[in-house]
C-alpha cells in the first residue's frame, strides 16, 4: 500500500500545479498540454515524444488565445 503513496502524491502535485491559480481553479493552456501528454502516454510513446507533444499543444493553445 505504501508503494502507491509516491505516485498518488506526484499526481496530486501535477493536478494542483496545472489547475490551481492561487485559490481559484483555472482551465488554460497547461490543461491542454496535460491532456495531450496523457493521451500520448496512453499510446505508449517515448518520453521525448511525450514532452514535445505536451509542450507543442500548450504552445498552440496559447497561440490560439488560451490564457
Protein backbone atom coordinates (compact mmCIF):
# COMPACT_ATOMS: atom_id res chain seq x y z
CA UNK A 1 0.00 0.00 0.00
CA UNK A 2 2.85 2.39 0.81
CA UNK A 3 4.27 1.84 -2.68
CA UNK A 4 1.24 3.65 -4.12
CA UNK A 5 1.80 6.74 -1.99
CA UNK A 6 4.56 8.34 -4.09
CA UNK A 7 2.66 8.12 -7.43
CA UNK A 8 -0.51 9.43 -5.76
CA UNK A 9 1.30 12.43 -4.26
CA UNK A 10 3.03 13.14 -7.57
CA UNK A 11 -0.30 13.00 -9.43
CA UNK A 12 -1.86 15.36 -6.89
CA UNK A 13 1.01 17.84 -7.29
CA UNK A 14 0.64 17.75 -11.08
CA UNK A 15 -3.11 18.39 -10.86
CA UNK A 16 -2.71 21.24 -8.38
CA UNK A 17 0.10 22.79 -10.42
CA UNK A 18 -1.95 22.57 -13.60
CA UNK A 19 -5.38 23.68 -12.46
CA UNK A 20 -4.73 25.92 -9.44
CA UNK A 21 -4.15 29.64 -9.63
CA UNK A 22 -3.92 30.86 -6.07
CA UNK A 23 -7.25 29.89 -4.55
CA UNK A 24 -9.04 29.59 -7.91
CA UNK A 25 -9.27 26.74 -10.40
CA UNK A 26 -8.45 27.61 -14.00
CA UNK A 27 -8.52 25.89 -17.35
CA UNK A 28 -5.82 27.24 -19.62
CA UNK A 29 -3.06 26.10 -21.95
CA UNK A 30 -1.48 23.99 -19.20
CA UNK A 31 -4.60 21.80 -19.13
CA UNK A 32 -4.35 21.29 -22.89
CA UNK A 33 -0.72 20.26 -22.52
CA UNK A 34 -1.56 17.86 -19.71
CA UNK A 35 -4.38 16.29 -21.71
CA UNK A 36 -2.20 15.89 -24.79
CA UNK A 37 0.62 14.43 -22.72
CA UNK A 38 -1.72 11.97 -21.02
CA UNK A 39 -3.07 10.90 -24.41
CA UNK A 40 0.41 10.26 -25.77
CA UNK A 41 1.34 8.37 -22.59
CA UNK A 42 -1.69 6.15 -23.13
CA UNK A 43 -0.36 5.42 -26.63
CA UNK A 44 2.95 4.32 -25.01
CA UNK A 45 5.14 6.85 -26.83
CA UNK A 46 8.76 7.53 -25.82
CA UNK A 47 9.41 10.25 -23.22
CA UNK A 48 10.86 12.71 -25.75
CA UNK A 49 7.71 12.45 -27.87
CA UNK A 50 5.51 12.94 -24.80
CA UNK A 51 7.34 16.11 -23.79
CA UNK A 52 7.31 17.52 -27.32
CA UNK A 53 3.60 16.83 -27.84
CA UNK A 54 2.65 18.31 -24.45
CA UNK A 55 4.78 21.42 -24.99
CA UNK A 56 3.56 21.83 -28.56
CA UNK A 57 -0.10 21.57 -27.62
CA UNK A 58 0.31 24.05 -24.75
CA UNK A 59 2.10 26.47 -27.11
CA UNK A 60 -0.63 26.05 -29.73
CA UNK A 61 -3.34 26.66 -27.13
CA UNK A 62 -1.59 29.84 -26.01
CA UNK A 63 -1.20 30.97 -29.62
CA UNK A 64 -4.92 30.42 -30.17
CA UNK A 65 -5.79 32.59 -27.20
CA UNK A 66 -5.89 30.36 -24.11
CA UNK A 67 -4.52 32.29 -21.16
